[in-house]
């Protein structure tokens, strides 16, 4: 059995990432939304956790100058509790730091205590609440910020997204 790998998301990953998103979130992004992120959004960066050809998790962010907004992180239900979320978050924080981000923010459901614990362990602090942020049920979200990203890797070279292969 191969070791799990964290790498930049490619076109070939979009279908699996969208399926994982749909299995995880009440109002999931569509396959087309992820395709647009890869194809057209110059500030979007997504990482996937892959093992034996299966996407077990992913994490995404938008990086604008020195700012990073973490858009979504998900791990397959069967793989939760194994440290994959922590590894994905750490890899994403390193990646955005390498791109020049100096800090990161995100929203998290008030009821999602597991995610809040993960973010706090990575240095995020809650700085406020967004009232009725989630459209599916009107739940509030905590706005969390981390001002201590890892130092940028001076040898970092970004892997480009390979052109989409047509069937």
N, C-alpha and C. Protein backbone atom coordinates (compact mmCIF):
# COMPACT_ATOMS: atom_id res chain seq x y z
N UNK A 1 0.84 -1.17 0.00
CA UNK A 1 0.00 0.00 0.00
C UNK A 1 0.89 1.24 0.00
N UNK A 2 0.61 2.17 -0.88
CA UNK A 2 1.40 3.39 -1.02
C UNK A 2 1.15 4.34 0.14
N UNK A 3 2.13 5.18 0.40
CA UNK A 3 2.00 6.22 1.41
C UNK A 3 1.11 7.34 0.85
N UNK A 4 0.35 7.99 1.72
CA UNK A 4 -0.49 9.12 1.31
C UNK A 4 0.41 10.28 0.91
N UNK A 5 -0.04 11.03 -0.08
CA UNK A 5 0.71 12.16 -0.62
C UNK A 5 -0.18 13.40 -0.60
N UNK A 6 0.39 14.54 -0.20
CA UNK A 6 -0.30 15.82 -0.31
C UNK A 6 0.36 16.56 -1.46
N UNK A 7 -0.48 16.98 -2.41
CA UNK A 7 0.03 17.65 -3.61
C UNK A 7 -1.01 18.65 -4.10
N UNK A 8 -0.61 19.48 -5.06
CA UNK A 8 -1.52 20.45 -5.64
C UNK A 8 -2.63 19.74 -6.43
N UNK A 9 -3.85 20.22 -6.28
CA UNK A 9 -4.99 19.64 -6.98
C UNK A 9 -4.86 19.88 -8.48
N UNK A 10 -5.21 18.85 -9.24
CA UNK A 10 -5.18 18.89 -10.70
C UNK A 10 -6.60 18.69 -11.24
N UNK A 11 -6.79 18.93 -12.53
CA UNK A 11 -8.11 18.73 -13.15
C UNK A 11 -8.64 17.32 -12.87
N UNK A 12 -7.77 16.34 -12.94
CA UNK A 12 -8.21 14.95 -12.78
C UNK A 12 -8.79 14.67 -11.39
N UNK A 13 -8.53 15.56 -10.43
CA UNK A 13 -8.99 15.40 -9.05
C UNK A 13 -10.37 16.01 -8.80
N UNK A 14 -10.83 16.85 -9.69
CA UNK A 14 -12.03 17.65 -9.45
C UNK A 14 -13.25 16.79 -9.13
N UNK A 15 -13.47 15.73 -9.87
CA UNK A 15 -14.66 14.90 -9.65
C UNK A 15 -14.65 14.28 -8.24
N UNK A 16 -13.50 13.75 -7.83
CA UNK A 16 -13.41 13.15 -6.49
C UNK A 16 -13.52 14.20 -5.39
N UNK A 17 -12.91 15.37 -5.61
CA UNK A 17 -12.99 16.44 -4.61
C UNK A 17 -14.44 16.90 -4.45
N UNK A 18 -15.15 17.07 -5.57
CA UNK A 18 -16.55 17.49 -5.50
C UNK A 18 -17.41 16.44 -4.80
N UNK A 19 -17.13 15.17 -5.03
CA UNK A 19 -17.87 14.09 -4.36
C UNK A 19 -17.61 14.12 -2.85
N UNK A 20 -16.37 14.34 -2.46
CA UNK A 20 -16.03 14.44 -1.04
C UNK A 20 -16.71 15.66 -0.42
N UNK A 21 -16.72 16.76 -1.13
CA UNK A 21 -17.39 17.99 -0.68
C UNK A 21 -18.87 17.71 -0.44
N UNK A 22 -19.51 17.03 -1.40
CA UNK A 22 -20.95 16.73 -1.29
C UNK A 22 -21.24 15.81 -0.10
N UNK A 23 -20.32 14.91 0.20
CA UNK A 23 -20.52 13.98 1.32
C UNK A 23 -20.25 14.65 2.66
N UNK A 24 -19.63 15.84 2.64
CA UNK A 24 -19.18 16.48 3.88
C UNK A 24 -20.04 17.66 4.30
N UNK A 25 -20.46 18.47 3.34
CA UNK A 25 -21.09 19.75 3.67
C UNK A 25 -22.56 19.82 3.27
N UNK A 26 -23.34 20.56 4.06
CA UNK A 26 -24.78 20.70 3.80
C UNK A 26 -25.06 21.48 2.52
N UNK A 27 -24.23 22.45 2.21
CA UNK A 27 -24.37 23.23 0.96
C UNK A 27 -23.06 23.14 0.20
N UNK A 28 -22.83 22.01 -0.45
CA UNK A 28 -21.52 21.77 -1.09
C UNK A 28 -21.32 22.60 -2.35
N UNK A 29 -20.06 22.87 -2.62
CA UNK A 29 -19.68 23.45 -3.90
C UNK A 29 -19.87 22.37 -4.96
N UNK A 30 -20.19 22.78 -6.16
CA UNK A 30 -20.40 21.84 -7.26
C UNK A 30 -19.07 21.47 -7.92
N UNK A 31 -19.14 20.42 -8.72
CA UNK A 31 -17.97 20.04 -9.52
C UNK A 31 -17.55 21.21 -10.40
N UNK A 32 -18.52 21.91 -10.98
CA UNK A 32 -18.23 23.06 -11.83
C UNK A 32 -17.52 24.17 -11.04
N UNK A 33 -17.92 24.35 -9.78
CA UNK A 33 -17.26 25.38 -8.95
C UNK A 33 -15.79 25.04 -8.74
N UNK A 34 -15.49 23.77 -8.45
CA UNK A 34 -14.09 23.38 -8.27
C UNK A 34 -13.32 23.48 -9.59
N UNK A 35 -13.96 23.12 -10.68
CA UNK A 35 -13.31 23.23 -11.99
C UNK A 35 -12.95 24.70 -12.26
N UNK A 36 -13.88 25.61 -11.93
CA UNK A 36 -13.64 27.04 -12.12
C UNK A 36 -12.49 27.51 -11.24
N UNK A 37 -12.42 26.99 -10.00
CA UNK A 37 -11.32 27.36 -9.11
C UNK A 37 -9.97 26.99 -9.72
N UNK A 38 -9.88 25.79 -10.30
CA UNK A 38 -8.63 25.32 -10.89
C UNK A 38 -8.33 26.07 -12.18
N UNK A 39 -9.35 26.29 -12.98
CA UNK A 39 -9.17 26.81 -14.33
C UNK A 39 -9.06 28.33 -14.41
N UNK A 40 -9.89 29.04 -13.63
CA UNK A 40 -10.01 30.49 -13.85
C UNK A 40 -9.63 31.37 -12.66
N UNK A 41 -9.61 30.83 -11.46
CA UNK A 41 -9.35 31.67 -10.30
C UNK A 41 -7.85 31.71 -10.01
N UNK A 42 -7.21 32.79 -10.43
CA UNK A 42 -5.76 32.92 -10.31
C UNK A 42 -5.28 32.97 -8.86
N UNK A 43 -6.15 33.28 -7.91
CA UNK A 43 -5.73 33.37 -6.52
C UNK A 43 -6.02 32.09 -5.74
N UNK A 44 -6.69 31.13 -6.37
CA UNK A 44 -7.07 29.89 -5.68
C UNK A 44 -5.94 28.87 -5.70
N UNK A 45 -5.76 28.20 -4.57
CA UNK A 45 -4.81 27.11 -4.46
C UNK A 45 -5.48 26.00 -3.66
N UNK A 46 -5.43 24.79 -4.19
CA UNK A 46 -6.02 23.64 -3.54
C UNK A 46 -5.01 22.52 -3.47
N UNK A 47 -4.98 21.86 -2.32
CA UNK A 47 -4.15 20.69 -2.12
C UNK A 47 -5.06 19.49 -1.92
N UNK A 48 -4.61 18.33 -2.36
CA UNK A 48 -5.34 17.09 -2.13
C UNK A 48 -4.45 16.11 -1.38
N UNK A 49 -5.12 15.26 -0.60
CA UNK A 49 -4.48 14.15 0.09
C UNK A 49 -4.89 12.91 -0.68
N UNK A 50 -3.92 12.26 -1.32
CA UNK A 50 -4.22 11.11 -2.18
C UNK A 50 -3.48 9.88 -1.68
N UNK A 51 -4.18 8.75 -1.70
CA UNK A 51 -3.56 7.48 -1.38
C UNK A 51 -4.14 6.43 -2.31
N UNK A 52 -3.28 5.72 -3.00
CA UNK A 52 -3.68 4.66 -3.93
C UNK A 52 -4.73 5.16 -4.94
N UNK A 53 -4.55 6.39 -5.43
CA UNK A 53 -5.44 6.94 -6.45
C UNK A 53 -6.74 7.50 -5.92
N UNK A 54 -6.96 7.43 -4.61
CA UNK A 54 -8.19 7.93 -4.01
C UNK A 54 -7.92 9.23 -3.25
N UNK A 55 -8.77 10.23 -3.47
CA UNK A 55 -8.65 11.49 -2.74
C UNK A 55 -9.32 11.30 -1.38
N UNK A 56 -8.53 11.39 -0.33
CA UNK A 56 -9.02 11.21 1.03
C UNK A 56 -9.34 12.54 1.71
N UNK A 57 -8.83 13.63 1.15
CA UNK A 57 -9.08 14.94 1.73
C UNK A 57 -8.57 16.02 0.81
N UNK A 58 -8.97 17.24 1.11
CA UNK A 58 -8.48 18.38 0.35
C UNK A 58 -8.58 19.63 1.22
N UNK A 59 -7.84 20.65 0.81
CA UNK A 59 -7.86 21.94 1.50
C UNK A 59 -7.62 23.01 0.46
N UNK A 60 -8.34 24.12 0.60
CA UNK A 60 -8.21 25.19 -0.38
C UNK A 60 -8.13 26.56 0.26
N UNK A 61 -7.56 27.49 -0.50
CA UNK A 61 -7.41 28.86 -0.02
C UNK A 61 -7.33 29.81 -1.21
N UNK A 62 -7.63 31.05 -0.92
CA UNK A 62 -7.43 32.14 -1.86
C UNK A 62 -6.33 33.02 -1.29
N UNK A 63 -5.32 33.31 -2.09
CA UNK A 63 -4.19 34.12 -1.65
C UNK A 63 -4.15 35.39 -2.49
N UNK A 64 -4.31 36.53 -1.80
CA UNK A 64 -4.25 37.83 -2.44
C UNK A 64 -3.20 38.65 -1.70
N UNK A 65 -2.11 38.91 -2.40
CA UNK A 65 -0.96 39.60 -1.82
C UNK A 65 -0.50 38.86 -0.56
N UNK A 66 -0.58 39.50 0.61
CA UNK A 66 -0.11 38.83 1.83
C UNK A 66 -1.25 38.23 2.64
N UNK A 67 -2.45 38.20 2.06
CA UNK A 67 -3.63 37.68 2.76
C UNK A 67 -4.02 36.31 2.23
N UNK A 68 -4.47 35.45 3.12
CA UNK A 68 -4.96 34.13 2.75
C UNK A 68 -6.31 33.92 3.41
N UNK A 69 -7.28 33.49 2.61
CA UNK A 69 -8.58 33.09 3.14
C UNK A 69 -8.74 31.60 2.87
N UNK A 70 -8.84 30.80 3.90
CA UNK A 70 -9.03 29.36 3.74
C UNK A 70 -10.50 29.13 3.41
N UNK A 71 -10.73 28.52 2.27
CA UNK A 71 -12.09 28.35 1.76
C UNK A 71 -12.76 27.09 2.28
N UNK A 72 -12.06 25.97 2.23
CA UNK A 72 -12.65 24.71 2.68
C UNK A 72 -11.56 23.67 2.94
N UNK A 73 -11.87 22.83 3.92
CA UNK A 73 -11.02 21.68 4.25
C UNK A 73 -11.98 20.53 4.53
N UNK A 74 -11.68 19.39 3.96
CA UNK A 74 -12.52 18.21 4.21
C UNK A 74 -11.66 16.95 4.17
N UNK A 75 -12.05 16.00 5.01
CA UNK A 75 -11.42 14.68 5.04
C UNK A 75 -12.56 13.66 4.98
N UNK A 76 -12.36 12.62 4.20
CA UNK A 76 -13.38 11.57 4.09
C UNK A 76 -13.74 11.06 5.48
N UNK A 77 -15.02 10.78 5.69
CA UNK A 77 -15.49 10.36 7.01
C UNK A 77 -14.72 9.16 7.54
N UNK A 78 -14.42 8.21 6.67
CA UNK A 78 -13.70 7.00 7.09
C UNK A 78 -12.26 7.28 7.51
N UNK A 79 -11.75 8.45 7.17
CA UNK A 79 -10.35 8.79 7.46
C UNK A 79 -10.19 9.83 8.57
N UNK A 80 -11.29 10.28 9.13
CA UNK A 80 -11.23 11.30 10.18
C UNK A 80 -10.65 10.72 11.46
N UNK A 81 -9.99 11.58 12.23
CA UNK A 81 -9.40 11.15 13.49
C UNK A 81 -8.03 10.52 13.33
N UNK A 82 -7.47 10.56 12.12
CA UNK A 82 -6.16 9.95 11.85
C UNK A 82 -5.06 11.00 11.66
N UNK A 83 -5.40 12.27 11.87
CA UNK A 83 -4.40 13.33 11.72
C UNK A 83 -4.30 13.92 10.32
N UNK A 84 -5.14 13.45 9.40
CA UNK A 84 -5.06 13.96 8.02
C UNK A 84 -5.44 15.43 7.94
N UNK A 85 -6.45 15.84 8.67
CA UNK A 85 -6.86 17.25 8.65
C UNK A 85 -5.74 18.15 9.12
N UNK A 86 -5.06 17.72 10.17
CA UNK A 86 -3.92 18.49 10.71
C UNK A 86 -2.80 18.59 9.67
N UNK A 87 -2.52 17.47 8.99
CA UNK A 87 -1.47 17.46 7.96
C UNK A 87 -1.85 18.34 6.78
N UNK A 88 -3.11 18.27 6.35
CA UNK A 88 -3.57 19.10 5.23
C UNK A 88 -3.48 20.59 5.59
N UNK A 89 -3.95 20.94 6.78
CA UNK A 89 -3.91 22.34 7.21
C UNK A 89 -2.47 22.84 7.29
N UNK A 90 -1.58 22.04 7.86
CA UNK A 90 -0.17 22.44 7.96
C UNK A 90 0.44 22.61 6.57
N UNK A 91 0.14 21.69 5.65
CA UNK A 91 0.66 21.79 4.29
C UNK A 91 0.12 23.02 3.58
N UNK A 92 -1.17 23.31 3.79
CA UNK A 92 -1.77 24.49 3.16
C UNK A 92 -1.16 25.76 3.71
N UNK A 93 -0.96 25.82 5.02
CA UNK A 93 -0.36 27.01 5.63
C UNK A 93 1.07 27.22 5.12
N UNK A 94 1.83 26.14 4.96
CA UNK A 94 3.18 26.26 4.41
C UNK A 94 3.11 26.75 2.96
N UNK A 95 2.20 26.19 2.19
CA UNK A 95 2.05 26.53 0.77
C UNK A 95 1.74 28.01 0.60
N UNK A 96 0.75 28.51 1.36
CA UNK A 96 0.38 29.92 1.20
C UNK A 96 1.48 30.85 1.71
N UNK A 97 2.21 30.42 2.74
CA UNK A 97 3.35 31.19 3.20
C UNK A 97 4.40 31.28 2.09
N UNK A 98 4.63 30.16 1.41
CA UNK A 98 5.59 30.14 0.30
C UNK A 98 5.17 31.10 -0.81
N UNK A 99 3.86 31.32 -0.94
CA UNK A 99 3.34 32.24 -1.96
C UNK A 99 3.34 33.69 -1.50
N UNK A 100 3.72 33.93 -0.25
CA UNK A 100 3.83 35.30 0.24
C UNK A 100 2.79 35.72 1.26
N UNK A 101 1.88 34.82 1.63
CA UNK A 101 0.87 35.17 2.64
C UNK A 101 1.54 35.33 4.00
N UNK A 102 1.09 36.34 4.74
CA UNK A 102 1.61 36.57 6.08
C UNK A 102 0.64 36.18 7.17
N UNK A 103 -0.63 35.99 6.78
CA UNK A 103 -1.64 35.60 7.75
C UNK A 103 -2.79 34.92 7.02
N UNK A 104 -3.64 34.23 7.78
CA UNK A 104 -4.76 33.50 7.19
C UNK A 104 -6.00 33.70 8.03
N UNK A 105 -7.15 33.66 7.37
CA UNK A 105 -8.42 33.69 8.09
C UNK A 105 -9.35 32.63 7.53
N UNK A 106 -10.42 32.37 8.28
CA UNK A 106 -11.43 31.38 7.87
C UNK A 106 -12.67 31.58 8.71
N UNK A 107 -13.78 31.01 8.25
CA UNK A 107 -14.99 30.93 9.04
C UNK A 107 -15.24 29.46 9.38
N UNK A 108 -15.78 29.24 10.56
CA UNK A 108 -16.10 27.88 11.01
C UNK A 108 -17.41 27.93 11.79
N UNK A 109 -18.24 26.91 11.57
CA UNK A 109 -19.52 26.85 12.27
C UNK A 109 -19.31 26.88 13.79
N UNK A 110 -20.16 27.61 14.49
CA UNK A 110 -20.11 27.67 15.95
C UNK A 110 -20.24 26.26 16.54
N UNK A 111 -21.00 25.39 15.87
CA UNK A 111 -21.22 24.03 16.38
C UNK A 111 -20.09 23.06 16.03
N UNK A 112 -19.16 23.44 15.17
CA UNK A 112 -18.12 22.52 14.72
C UNK A 112 -16.91 22.59 15.65
N UNK A 113 -17.07 21.98 16.81
CA UNK A 113 -16.03 22.04 17.84
C UNK A 113 -14.75 21.34 17.41
N UNK A 114 -14.87 20.25 16.67
CA UNK A 114 -13.69 19.50 16.22
C UNK A 114 -12.82 20.38 15.30
N UNK A 115 -13.45 21.07 14.37
CA UNK A 115 -12.70 21.95 13.47
C UNK A 115 -12.09 23.12 14.25
N UNK A 116 -12.84 23.68 15.16
CA UNK A 116 -12.31 24.79 15.96
C UNK A 116 -11.06 24.36 16.72
N UNK A 117 -11.10 23.16 17.27
CA UNK A 117 -9.94 22.63 18.00
C UNK A 117 -8.74 22.48 17.06
N UNK A 118 -8.98 21.96 15.86
CA UNK A 118 -7.91 21.83 14.87
C UNK A 118 -7.30 23.19 14.56
N UNK A 119 -8.15 24.16 14.29
CA UNK A 119 -7.65 25.50 13.93
C UNK A 119 -6.89 26.14 15.09
N UNK A 120 -7.40 26.00 16.31
CA UNK A 120 -6.68 26.56 17.47
C UNK A 120 -5.31 25.91 17.63
N UNK A 121 -5.24 24.60 17.39
CA UNK A 121 -3.96 23.90 17.52
C UNK A 121 -2.95 24.38 16.49
N UNK A 122 -3.44 24.97 15.40
CA UNK A 122 -2.55 25.49 14.35
C UNK A 122 -2.26 26.98 14.55
N UNK A 123 -2.76 27.57 15.64
CA UNK A 123 -2.45 28.97 15.94
C UNK A 123 -3.55 29.96 15.60
N UNK A 124 -4.72 29.48 15.17
CA UNK A 124 -5.83 30.38 14.88
C UNK A 124 -6.50 30.82 16.18
N UNK A 125 -6.98 32.05 16.19
CA UNK A 125 -7.76 32.58 17.31
C UNK A 125 -9.06 33.16 16.76
N UNK A 126 -10.10 33.06 17.56
CA UNK A 126 -11.40 33.60 17.17
C UNK A 126 -11.40 35.10 17.44
N UNK A 127 -11.78 35.88 16.42
CA UNK A 127 -11.79 37.33 16.61
C UNK A 127 -13.18 37.93 16.47
N UNK A 128 -14.17 37.08 16.21
CA UNK A 128 -15.52 37.60 16.09
C UNK A 128 -16.48 36.53 15.60
N UNK A 129 -17.71 36.96 15.43
CA UNK A 129 -18.76 36.04 15.00
C UNK A 129 -19.51 36.67 13.83
N UNK A 130 -19.77 35.86 12.81
CA UNK A 130 -20.59 36.29 11.69
C UNK A 130 -21.99 35.71 11.91
N UNK A 131 -22.94 36.59 12.18
CA UNK A 131 -24.31 36.17 12.47
C UNK A 131 -24.97 35.56 11.24
N UNK A 132 -25.65 34.42 11.45
CA UNK A 132 -26.42 33.73 10.40
C UNK A 132 -25.61 33.55 9.11
N UNK A 133 -24.35 33.18 9.24
CA UNK A 133 -23.43 33.06 8.11
C UNK A 133 -23.80 31.91 7.17
N UNK A 134 -24.25 30.80 7.74
CA UNK A 134 -24.51 29.61 6.92
C UNK A 134 -25.95 29.61 6.42
N UNK A 135 -26.09 29.56 5.10
CA UNK A 135 -27.40 29.65 4.47
C UNK A 135 -28.30 28.45 4.73
N UNK A 136 -27.71 27.26 4.94
CA UNK A 136 -28.54 26.05 5.09
C UNK A 136 -29.40 26.08 6.34
N UNK A 137 -28.87 26.66 7.44
CA UNK A 137 -29.64 26.66 8.68
C UNK A 137 -29.52 27.96 9.47
N UNK A 138 -28.86 28.97 8.91
CA UNK A 138 -28.73 30.25 9.58
C UNK A 138 -27.77 30.26 10.76
N UNK A 139 -26.95 29.21 10.87
CA UNK A 139 -26.00 29.12 11.98
C UNK A 139 -24.94 30.21 11.88
N UNK A 140 -24.50 30.67 13.04
CA UNK A 140 -23.41 31.64 13.11
C UNK A 140 -22.08 30.96 12.80
N UNK A 141 -21.11 31.78 12.43
CA UNK A 141 -19.75 31.30 12.20
C UNK A 141 -18.79 32.13 13.04
N UNK A 142 -17.78 31.47 13.57
CA UNK A 142 -16.67 32.21 14.17
C UNK A 142 -15.72 32.61 13.06
N UNK A 143 -15.23 33.83 13.10
CA UNK A 143 -14.16 34.27 12.22
C UNK A 143 -12.87 34.04 12.99
N UNK A 144 -11.99 33.23 12.41
CA UNK A 144 -10.73 32.90 13.06
C UNK A 144 -9.56 33.38 12.19
N UNK A 145 -8.49 33.80 12.85
CA UNK A 145 -7.32 34.35 12.17
C UNK A 145 -6.06 33.74 12.75
N UNK A 146 -5.09 33.52 11.88
CA UNK A 146 -3.76 33.09 12.31
C UNK A 146 -2.74 34.06 11.71
N UNK A 147 -1.99 34.71 12.59
CA UNK A 147 -0.98 35.67 12.14
C UNK A 147 0.43 35.10 12.18
N UNK A 148 0.53 33.79 12.40
CA UNK A 148 1.85 33.17 12.54
C UNK A 148 1.97 31.99 11.59
N UNK A 149 2.10 32.28 10.30
CA UNK A 149 2.32 31.22 9.32
C UNK A 149 3.77 30.77 9.40
N UNK A 150 4.05 29.55 8.94
CA UNK A 150 5.44 29.10 8.96
C UNK A 150 6.31 29.95 8.04
N UNK A 151 7.61 29.99 8.28
CA UNK A 151 8.49 30.74 7.38
C UNK A 151 8.43 30.16 5.97
N UNK A 152 8.51 31.04 4.99
CA UNK A 152 8.50 30.60 3.59
C UNK A 152 9.74 29.78 3.29
N UNK A 153 9.56 28.75 2.48
CA UNK A 153 10.66 27.90 2.03
C UNK A 153 11.35 28.63 0.87
N UNK A 154 12.62 29.01 1.02
CA UNK A 154 13.30 29.76 -0.04
C UNK A 154 13.49 28.94 -1.32
N UNK A 155 13.39 27.62 -1.23
CA UNK A 155 13.56 26.76 -2.40
C UNK A 155 12.23 26.34 -3.02
N UNK A 156 11.12 26.92 -2.55
CA UNK A 156 9.79 26.55 -3.05
C UNK A 156 9.65 26.87 -4.53
N UNK A 157 9.16 25.91 -5.28
CA UNK A 157 8.79 26.10 -6.68
C UNK A 157 7.40 25.53 -6.83
N UNK A 158 6.48 26.37 -7.27
CA UNK A 158 5.09 25.94 -7.38
C UNK A 158 4.89 24.99 -8.56
N UNK A 159 4.21 23.89 -8.27
CA UNK A 159 3.86 22.93 -9.31
C UNK A 159 2.68 23.49 -10.08
N UNK A 160 2.79 23.65 -11.38
CA UNK A 160 1.65 24.17 -12.14
C UNK A 160 0.54 23.13 -12.26
N UNK A 161 -0.66 23.61 -12.54
CA UNK A 161 -1.77 22.71 -12.83
C UNK A 161 -1.58 22.26 -14.27
N UNK A 162 -1.55 20.94 -14.47
CA UNK A 162 -1.36 20.38 -15.80
C UNK A 162 -2.60 20.67 -16.65
N UNK A 163 -2.44 20.84 -17.95
CA UNK A 163 -3.61 21.06 -18.81
C UNK A 163 -4.59 19.91 -18.67
N UNK A 164 -5.87 20.24 -18.79
CA UNK A 164 -6.91 19.21 -18.67
C UNK A 164 -6.80 18.22 -19.82
N UNK A 165 -6.91 16.95 -19.46
CA UNK A 165 -6.89 15.90 -20.47
C UNK A 165 -8.31 15.64 -20.92
N UNK A 166 -8.56 15.73 -22.21
CA UNK A 166 -9.91 15.50 -22.75
C UNK A 166 -10.10 14.03 -23.01
N UNK A 167 -11.30 13.55 -22.66
CA UNK A 167 -11.62 12.13 -22.87
C UNK A 167 -11.78 11.82 -24.35
